[in-house]
Protein backbone atom coordinates (compact mmCIF):
# COMPACT_ATOMS: atom_id res chain seq x y z
CA UNK A 1 63.80 85.49 62.35
CA UNK A 2 63.95 85.99 58.57
CA UNK A 3 61.51 88.41 56.88
CA UNK A 4 60.19 85.63 54.60
CA UNK A 5 59.25 83.52 57.59
CA UNK A 6 57.41 86.43 59.15
CA UNK A 7 55.36 86.95 55.96
CA UNK A 8 54.58 83.24 55.59
CA UNK A 9 53.49 83.06 59.21
CA UNK A 10 51.20 86.07 58.74
CA UNK A 11 49.58 84.53 55.64
CA UNK A 12 49.13 81.20 57.41
CA UNK A 13 47.49 82.98 60.33
CA UNK A 14 45.00 84.72 58.00
CA UNK A 15 44.05 81.43 56.30
CA UNK A 16 43.68 79.72 59.67
CA UNK A 17 41.54 82.54 61.01
CA UNK A 18 39.31 82.49 57.91
CA UNK A 19 38.87 78.72 58.18
CA UNK A 20 38.16 78.82 61.90
CA UNK A 21 35.52 81.51 61.50
CA UNK A 22 33.87 79.61 58.63
CA UNK A 23 33.77 76.33 60.58
CA UNK A 24 32.33 78.07 63.63
CA UNK A 25 29.63 79.80 61.62
CA UNK A 26 28.78 76.61 59.69
CA UNK A 27 28.33 74.72 62.95
CA UNK A 28 26.22 77.37 64.70
CA UNK A 29 24.21 78.72 61.74
CA UNK A 30 21.36 76.14 61.88
CA UNK A 31 20.31 77.67 65.20
CA UNK A 32 21.18 81.30 64.39
CA UNK A 33 19.56 82.61 61.19
CA UNK A 34 21.81 85.66 61.06
CA UNK A 35 24.94 83.49 60.95
CA UNK A 36 23.40 81.41 58.14
CA UNK A 37 23.47 84.46 55.87
CA UNK A 38 27.06 85.26 56.99
CA UNK A 39 28.16 81.72 56.06
CA UNK A 40 26.66 82.11 52.62
CA UNK A 41 28.44 85.47 52.27
CA UNK A 42 31.82 83.96 53.13
CA UNK A 43 31.27 81.17 50.59
CA UNK A 44 30.40 83.77 47.96
CA UNK A 45 33.60 85.79 48.72
CA UNK A 46 35.83 82.74 48.43
CA UNK A 47 34.06 81.54 45.23
CA UNK A 48 34.49 84.85 43.47
CA UNK A 49 37.97 85.86 44.71
CA UNK A 50 39.57 82.50 45.47
CA UNK A 51 41.19 84.31 48.42
CA UNK A 52 42.03 81.23 50.44
CA UNK A 53 43.54 79.51 47.43
CA UNK A 54 45.84 82.38 46.63
CA UNK A 55 46.88 82.79 50.24
CA UNK A 56 47.80 79.12 50.45
CA UNK A 57 49.79 79.36 47.19
CA UNK A 58 51.71 82.40 48.51
CA UNK A 59 52.53 80.72 51.80
CA UNK A 60 53.68 77.56 50.00
CA UNK A 61 55.97 79.51 47.66
CA UNK A 62 57.60 81.38 50.54
CA UNK A 63 58.18 78.21 52.56
CA UNK A 64 59.67 76.49 49.50
CA UNK A 65 62.03 79.42 48.94
CA UNK A 66 63.16 79.30 52.57
CA UNK A 67 63.72 75.54 52.45
CA UNK A 68 65.80 75.50 49.26
CA UNK A 69 67.85 78.58 50.21
CA UNK A 70 68.80 77.07 53.59
CA UNK A 71 69.77 73.66 52.18
CA UNK A 72 71.94 75.22 49.49
CA UNK A 73 73.74 77.58 51.90
CA UNK A 74 77.31 76.63 52.81
CA UNK A 75 77.94 75.02 56.18
CA UNK A 76 79.62 77.09 58.89
CA UNK A 77 83.36 77.19 58.32
CA UNK A 78 85.34 75.15 60.82
CA UNK A 79 88.91 76.15 61.59
CA UNK A 80 91.77 73.89 62.64
CA UNK A 81 90.58 73.95 66.21
CA UNK A 82 87.17 72.55 65.23
CA UNK A 83 85.23 75.59 66.44
CA UNK A 84 82.39 77.10 64.42
CA UNK A 85 82.01 80.89 64.30
CA UNK A 86 79.17 80.63 66.80
CA UNK A 87 81.36 78.58 69.12
CA UNK A 88 84.18 81.07 68.68
CA UNK A 89 81.89 83.90 69.72
CA UNK A 90 80.77 81.90 72.73
CA UNK A 91 84.36 81.05 73.61
CA UNK A 92 85.38 84.71 73.30
CA UNK A 93 82.44 85.70 75.48
CA UNK A 94 83.49 83.15 78.10
CA UNK A 95 87.11 84.29 77.87
CA UNK A 96 86.10 87.94 78.27
CA UNK A 97 84.00 86.98 81.28
CA UNK A 98 86.89 85.11 82.85
CA UNK A 99 89.25 88.03 82.11
CA UNK A 100 86.87 90.45 83.78
CA UNK A 101 86.72 88.19 86.81
CA UNK A 102 90.52 88.20 87.02
CA UNK A 103 90.88 91.92 86.48
CA UNK A 104 88.09 92.89 88.87
CA UNK A 105 87.97 90.36 91.70
CA UNK A 106 85.28 90.71 94.31
CA UNK A 107 86.24 91.81 97.78
CA UNK A 108 85.81 89.33 100.63
CA UNK A 109 85.15 90.55 104.15
CA UNK A 110 86.98 88.81 106.97
CA UNK A 111 85.21 88.94 110.32
CA UNK A 112 87.99 87.53 112.45
CA UNK A 113 91.68 87.48 111.64
CA UNK A 114 94.34 85.09 112.92
CA UNK A 115 96.71 86.33 115.61
CA UNK A 116 100.46 86.78 115.21
CA UNK A 117 100.92 83.49 117.03
CA UNK A 118 98.56 81.73 114.61
CA UNK A 119 100.53 82.98 111.61
CA UNK A 120 103.89 82.23 113.22
CA UNK A 121 102.75 78.68 113.90
CA UNK A 122 101.40 78.29 110.36
CA UNK A 123 104.68 79.39 108.78
CA UNK A 124 106.48 76.59 110.58
CA UNK A 125 104.98 74.28 107.96
CA UNK A 126 104.81 76.05 104.58
CA UNK A 127 103.64 72.94 102.73
CA UNK A 128 100.50 72.95 104.86
CA UNK A 129 99.88 76.66 105.29
CA UNK A 130 100.58 78.21 101.85
CA UNK A 131 98.12 78.05 98.97
CA UNK A 132 98.94 77.08 95.38
CA UNK A 133 99.77 80.73 94.65
CA UNK A 134 102.77 80.44 96.99
CA UNK A 135 103.70 76.84 96.34
CA UNK A 136 107.42 75.93 96.68
CA UNK A 137 108.30 79.14 98.52
CA UNK A 138 110.87 78.80 101.31
CA UNK A 139 111.06 80.69 104.59
CA UNK A 140 113.94 83.09 105.26
CA UNK A 141 114.47 83.82 108.94
CA UNK A 142 115.57 87.17 110.31
CA UNK A 143 119.30 86.82 111.12
CA UNK A 144 118.98 89.51 113.80
CA UNK A 145 116.42 87.53 115.80
CA UNK A 146 118.02 84.73 117.78
CA UNK A 147 114.82 83.29 119.24
CA UNK A 148 114.55 79.59 118.41
CA UNK A 149 111.72 78.73 116.03
CA UNK A 150 110.98 82.35 115.15
CA UNK A 151 109.44 82.77 111.70
CA UNK A 152 108.31 86.41 111.83
CA UNK A 153 110.65 88.83 110.08
CA UNK A 154 109.02 92.03 111.33
CA UNK A 155 105.70 93.19 112.74
CA UNK A 156 103.49 96.27 112.89
CA UNK A 157 100.17 97.46 114.29
CA UNK A 158 97.93 95.62 111.84
CA UNK A 159 100.12 93.02 110.22
CA UNK A 160 103.28 90.96 110.28
CA UNK A 161 105.91 90.31 107.63
CA UNK A 162 107.44 87.00 106.62
CA UNK A 163 110.33 86.77 104.18
CA UNK A 164 110.14 84.04 101.55
CA UNK A 165 112.41 82.92 98.73
CA UNK A 166 111.49 81.35 95.42
CA UNK A 167 113.74 80.76 92.45
CA UNK A 168 116.44 83.05 93.77
CA UNK A 169 114.04 85.98 94.30
CA UNK A 170 112.93 87.26 97.68
CA UNK A 171 109.48 88.41 98.73
CA UNK A 172 107.81 89.98 101.73
CA UNK A 173 104.53 88.31 102.70
CA UNK A 174 102.32 90.62 104.72
CA UNK A 175 99.66 88.90 106.81
CA UNK A 176 96.84 91.00 108.25
CA UNK A 177 95.84 90.88 111.91
CA UNK A 178 93.23 92.52 114.15
CA UNK A 179 89.95 93.96 112.97
CA UNK A 180 91.16 96.63 110.59
CA UNK A 181 90.17 97.70 107.09
CA UNK A 182 93.77 97.43 105.95
CA UNK A 183 93.19 94.48 103.61
CA UNK A 184 90.40 96.42 101.86
CA UNK A 185 92.78 99.33 101.34
CA UNK A 186 95.41 97.07 99.80
CA UNK A 187 92.74 95.35 97.71
CA UNK A 188 91.68 98.70 96.20
CA UNK A 189 95.29 99.82 95.84
CA UNK A 190 96.06 96.64 93.91
CA UNK A 191 93.12 97.23 91.58
CA UNK A 192 94.19 100.84 91.01
CA UNK A 193 97.72 99.79 90.10
CA UNK A 194 96.66 97.19 87.54
CA UNK A 195 98.22 98.13 84.22
CA UNK A 196 100.36 100.84 85.82
CA UNK A 197 104.08 100.81 86.48
CA UNK A 198 105.11 103.38 89.05
CA UNK A 199 108.85 103.37 89.54
CA UNK A 200 108.88 104.46 93.19
CA UNK A 201 106.56 101.67 94.35
CA UNK A 202 107.48 98.08 95.08
CA UNK A 203 105.63 95.58 92.91
CA UNK A 204 103.06 93.75 95.00
CA UNK A 205 100.23 91.31 94.52
CA UNK A 206 97.09 90.96 96.63
CA UNK A 207 96.51 87.22 97.00
CA UNK A 208 92.92 86.52 98.00
CA UNK A 209 93.62 82.98 99.26
CA UNK A 210 97.17 83.02 100.56
CA UNK A 211 97.64 81.26 103.87
CA UNK A 212 95.71 79.11 106.32
CA UNK A 213 96.34 78.42 109.99
CA UNK A 214 96.17 75.33 112.17
CA UNK A 215 93.01 76.62 113.84
CA UNK A 216 90.94 76.76 110.67
CA UNK A 217 92.25 74.44 107.94
CA UNK A 218 89.25 75.16 105.69
CA UNK A 219 89.85 78.89 105.29
CA UNK A 220 92.63 80.68 103.48
CA UNK A 221 93.26 84.32 104.39
CA UNK A 222 94.34 87.15 102.09
CA UNK A 223 98.01 88.16 102.08
CA UNK A 224 100.12 90.73 100.32
CA UNK A 225 103.13 89.51 98.35
CA UNK A 226 105.73 92.22 97.68
CA UNK A 227 109.13 92.19 96.06
CA UNK A 228 111.79 92.35 98.74
CA UNK A 229 113.81 95.56 98.47
CA UNK A 230 117.12 96.13 100.24
CA UNK A 231 118.31 99.67 100.73
CA UNK A 232 119.15 102.43 103.18
CA UNK A 233 116.50 104.50 104.87
CA UNK A 234 116.67 108.19 104.01
CA UNK A 235 118.22 108.85 107.43
CA UNK A 236 120.93 106.21 106.91
CA UNK A 237 121.62 107.48 103.41
CA UNK A 238 122.18 111.01 104.71
CA UNK A 239 124.51 109.83 107.45
CA UNK A 240 126.61 108.03 104.86
CA UNK A 241 126.56 110.85 102.29
CA UNK A 242 126.32 114.02 104.37
CA UNK A 243 129.43 115.46 102.71
CA UNK A 244 128.29 114.61 99.19
CA UNK A 245 126.13 117.60 98.37
CA UNK A 246 125.80 116.70 94.71
CA UNK A 247 124.39 113.26 95.49
CA UNK A 248 122.01 114.64 98.12
CA UNK A 249 120.71 117.20 95.63
CA UNK A 250 120.21 114.47 93.02
CA UNK A 251 118.23 112.40 95.52
CA UNK A 252 116.20 115.49 96.42
CA UNK A 253 115.24 115.96 92.79
CA UNK A 254 114.38 112.30 92.30
CA UNK A 255 112.32 112.32 95.48
CA UNK A 256 110.16 115.16 94.18
CA UNK A 257 109.80 113.44 90.81
CA UNK A 258 108.45 110.36 92.59
CA UNK A 259 105.96 112.42 94.58
CA UNK A 260 104.75 114.07 91.39
CA UNK A 261 104.46 110.67 89.71
CA UNK A 262 102.11 109.55 92.44
CA UNK A 263 100.03 112.70 92.01
CA UNK A 264 99.79 112.15 88.26
CA UNK A 265 98.31 108.74 89.03
CA UNK A 266 95.83 110.21 91.55
CA UNK A 267 97.68 108.66 94.48
CA UNK A 268 99.40 109.71 97.68
CA UNK A 269 101.53 107.78 100.15
CA UNK A 270 100.21 109.26 103.39
CA UNK A 271 103.30 108.78 105.57
CA UNK A 272 106.43 110.06 103.84
CA UNK A 273 109.17 109.85 106.47
CA UNK A 274 112.65 108.42 106.97
CA UNK A 275 111.68 104.79 107.42
CA UNK A 276 109.29 104.78 104.46
CA UNK A 277 111.77 106.25 101.97
CA UNK A 278 114.53 103.91 100.87
CA UNK A 279 117.51 104.64 98.67
CA UNK A 280 118.09 101.38 96.81
CA UNK A 281 120.84 101.19 94.18
CA UNK A 282 120.77 104.95 93.86
CA UNK A 283 117.03 105.30 93.35
CA UNK A 284 114.14 106.33 95.58
CA UNK A 285 111.66 103.65 96.65
CA UNK A 286 108.62 104.25 98.85
CA UNK A 287 107.60 101.44 101.19
CA UNK A 288 104.75 100.77 103.66
CA UNK A 289 101.48 101.50 101.84
CA UNK A 290 99.12 101.14 104.82
CA UNK A 291 97.93 104.75 104.60
CA UNK A 292 98.00 105.16 100.84
CA UNK A 293 95.28 107.04 98.98
CA UNK A 294 93.64 105.95 95.72
CA UNK A 295 90.31 107.30 94.37
CA UNK A 296 88.40 104.14 95.32
CA UNK A 297 89.10 104.99 98.98
CA UNK A 298 87.97 108.63 98.80
CA UNK A 299 84.92 108.03 101.01
CA UNK A 300 87.04 106.51 103.76
CA UNK A 301 89.11 108.48 106.30
CA UNK A 302 92.85 108.14 106.55
CA UNK A 303 93.85 105.33 108.89
CA UNK A 304 96.93 107.26 110.09
CA UNK A 305 98.16 110.83 110.32
CA UNK A 306 101.78 110.18 109.45
CA UNK A 307 104.88 110.92 111.51
CA UNK A 308 104.56 114.17 113.45
CA UNK A 309 108.02 115.42 112.41
CA UNK A 310 106.94 115.42 108.76
CA UNK A 311 103.26 116.39 108.88
CA UNK A 312 101.17 119.43 109.64
CA UNK A 313 100.35 119.45 113.37
CA UNK A 314 96.65 119.82 112.59
CA UNK A 315 96.40 116.97 110.11
CA UNK A 316 93.19 114.99 110.57
CA UNK A 317 91.84 111.66 109.25
CA UNK A 318 89.61 113.66 106.90
CA UNK A 319 92.76 114.98 105.15
CA UNK A 320 92.79 112.07 102.78
CA UNK A 321 93.38 112.86 99.12
CA UNK A 322 96.02 112.85 96.41
CA UNK A 323 97.32 116.15 97.87
CA UNK A 324 97.97 114.88 101.39
CA UNK A 325 101.71 114.33 100.72
CA UNK A 326 102.32 117.94 99.71
CA UNK A 327 103.36 119.21 103.13
CA UNK A 328 105.64 116.30 104.05
CA UNK A 329 107.16 116.38 100.56
CA UNK A 330 107.96 120.06 100.95
CA UNK A 331 109.52 119.45 104.39
CA UNK A 332 111.71 116.61 103.08
CA UNK A 333 112.72 118.46 99.91
CA UNK A 334 113.65 121.58 101.90
CA UNK A 335 115.73 119.51 104.32
CA UNK A 336 117.58 117.75 101.52
CA UNK A 337 118.22 120.95 99.61
CA UNK A 338 119.58 122.71 102.70
CA UNK A 339 121.85 119.76 103.51
CA UNK A 340 123.15 119.65 99.95
CA UNK A 341 124.47 123.20 100.48
CA UNK A 342 125.26 123.16 104.20
CA UNK A 343 126.25 119.72 105.53
CA UNK A 344 126.86 121.33 108.93
CA UNK A 345 123.08 121.80 109.19
CA UNK A 346 122.92 118.09 110.02
CA UNK A 347 123.56 119.15 113.61
CA UNK A 348 119.86 120.05 113.81
CA UNK A 349 119.03 116.38 113.36
CA UNK A 350 120.61 115.49 116.71
CA UNK A 351 121.24 111.89 115.62
CA UNK A 352 117.48 111.30 115.51
CA UNK A 353 116.37 108.61 113.00
CA UNK A 354 112.79 109.85 113.29
CA UNK A 355 113.52 113.31 111.90
CA UNK A 356 115.55 115.24 109.34
CA UNK A 357 115.96 118.93 110.21
CA UNK A 358 112.44 119.81 111.38
CA UNK A 359 110.29 118.61 114.26
CA UNK A 360 106.73 119.12 115.34
CA UNK A 361 107.77 121.92 117.70
CA UNK A 362 109.18 123.85 114.73
CA UNK A 363 105.85 123.60 112.94
CA UNK A 364 103.89 124.70 116.01
CA UNK A 365 106.00 127.82 116.51
CA UNK A 366 108.06 128.75 113.43
CA UNK A 367 108.95 132.19 114.86
CA UNK A 368 110.92 130.59 117.69
CA UNK A 369 112.36 127.74 115.64
CA UNK A 370 116.16 127.52 115.42
CA UNK A 371 116.11 125.67 112.10
CA UNK A 372 113.83 128.23 110.45
CA UNK A 373 116.06 131.02 111.76
CA UNK A 374 119.14 129.23 110.44
CA UNK A 375 117.66 128.75 106.96
CA UNK A 376 116.62 132.40 106.87
CA UNK A 377 120.28 133.40 107.09
CA UNK A 378 120.97 131.25 104.03
CA UNK A 379 118.52 133.16 101.86
CA UNK A 380 118.02 132.13 98.23
CA UNK A 381 116.05 129.05 97.34
CA UNK A 382 116.56 127.54 100.80
CA UNK A 383 114.64 130.37 102.46
CA UNK A 384 112.00 130.40 99.72
CA UNK A 385 111.29 126.75 100.45
CA UNK A 386 111.22 127.32 104.22
CA UNK A 387 108.88 130.27 103.68
CA UNK A 388 106.52 128.00 101.75
CA UNK A 389 106.41 125.68 104.77
CA UNK A 390 105.57 128.59 107.08
CA UNK A 391 102.91 129.85 104.68
CA UNK A 392 101.33 126.39 104.50
CA UNK A 393 101.23 126.21 108.29
CA UNK A 394 99.38 129.53 108.48
CA UNK A 395 96.76 128.61 105.88
CA UNK A 396 93.70 126.49 106.42
CA UNK A 397 93.69 125.29 102.82
CA UNK A 398 95.72 122.07 102.92
CA UNK A 399 95.82 121.83 99.13
CA UNK A 400 97.46 125.21 98.58
CA UNK A 401 101.05 123.97 98.22
CA UNK A 402 102.50 124.21 94.73
CA UNK A 403 105.26 121.59 94.58
CA UNK A 404 106.14 122.61 91.02
CA UNK A 405 106.88 126.09 92.31
CA UNK A 406 109.10 124.58 95.01
CA UNK A 407 111.05 122.54 92.46
CA UNK A 408 111.58 125.48 90.10
CA UNK A 409 112.42 128.04 92.80
CA UNK A 410 115.75 129.85 92.34
């Protein structure tokens, strides 16, 4: 409200109050002698000061000023879109609100998930089952599965993967099953990654309403859409390149850079192992983010302890932080570094795709471990790295591994 209007309103209120009091006293005074004298006093004040007159003049002048200043003011400027400044502000407010809704979607709990059979049946008819977000996508069947009518590409403990194609690009669609908190973890991971580009992670999108089943046509379930990445697992890469020490050492360095990149973004993978590390077109890519850590999940326990041949034997669900990859990263880096110098050390793998050079038994008893004894004879950086593993195993502090020191060791 303008200041002039406030003043005019105050003056008008005073005049009204004066008039009301006078009328009341004039009406009651014939029966109340005291009020008769007060009425005469008010008449005397007004006759000698002309107070009411001046107040009315002042209020009239102020209202006249307000009227003529408003009518002479220019109209709000209208741009080519026909929006006034007020409308533009409102539109911007609405746009900001919509943007916030997109950037920070609300999480939806799912009480009961479809089964693998339900999803497999739904993906027989993509036109029916997929939402608008996945419109025109086509199913790609697993060439290694000969079962007639099979639509599932791969499956795990809490979800199944379908492979879809759209516009020449391929995607993995992960559908959640069972009563797990996995979709919440991916929901928070997706929010954490908004605006970030982390080179070792596959681009993915959490789609709130992705697919529906025949059982419940009215409900769409969340899915995860990820870019499809082809590559060799770390184990396969080593088998193919075991005599190429230079390439193995390059991959070792890139691997550690990727681990450090996750740490800089307050993240950790949670299950660094052969199957979850791909070498694709010469670069390291981490896959399978079921056990990943981001700060929004800090009050939740880890939903897995990782592969035993890459983790501390005493790892617990409570070991869930951005430092939880330190031990497995050190184990993998040490293995790669040793192999880059001594390809014959691959004999300790024993053609085991679930290990590199170390196994759980080596971590439980390093003093009787053949691989630790072998690396000790190598000396130099190889033994320094192996000694860091042994030191970490003997310490209760799970965050006491300095990966920078491991990288820079000579």
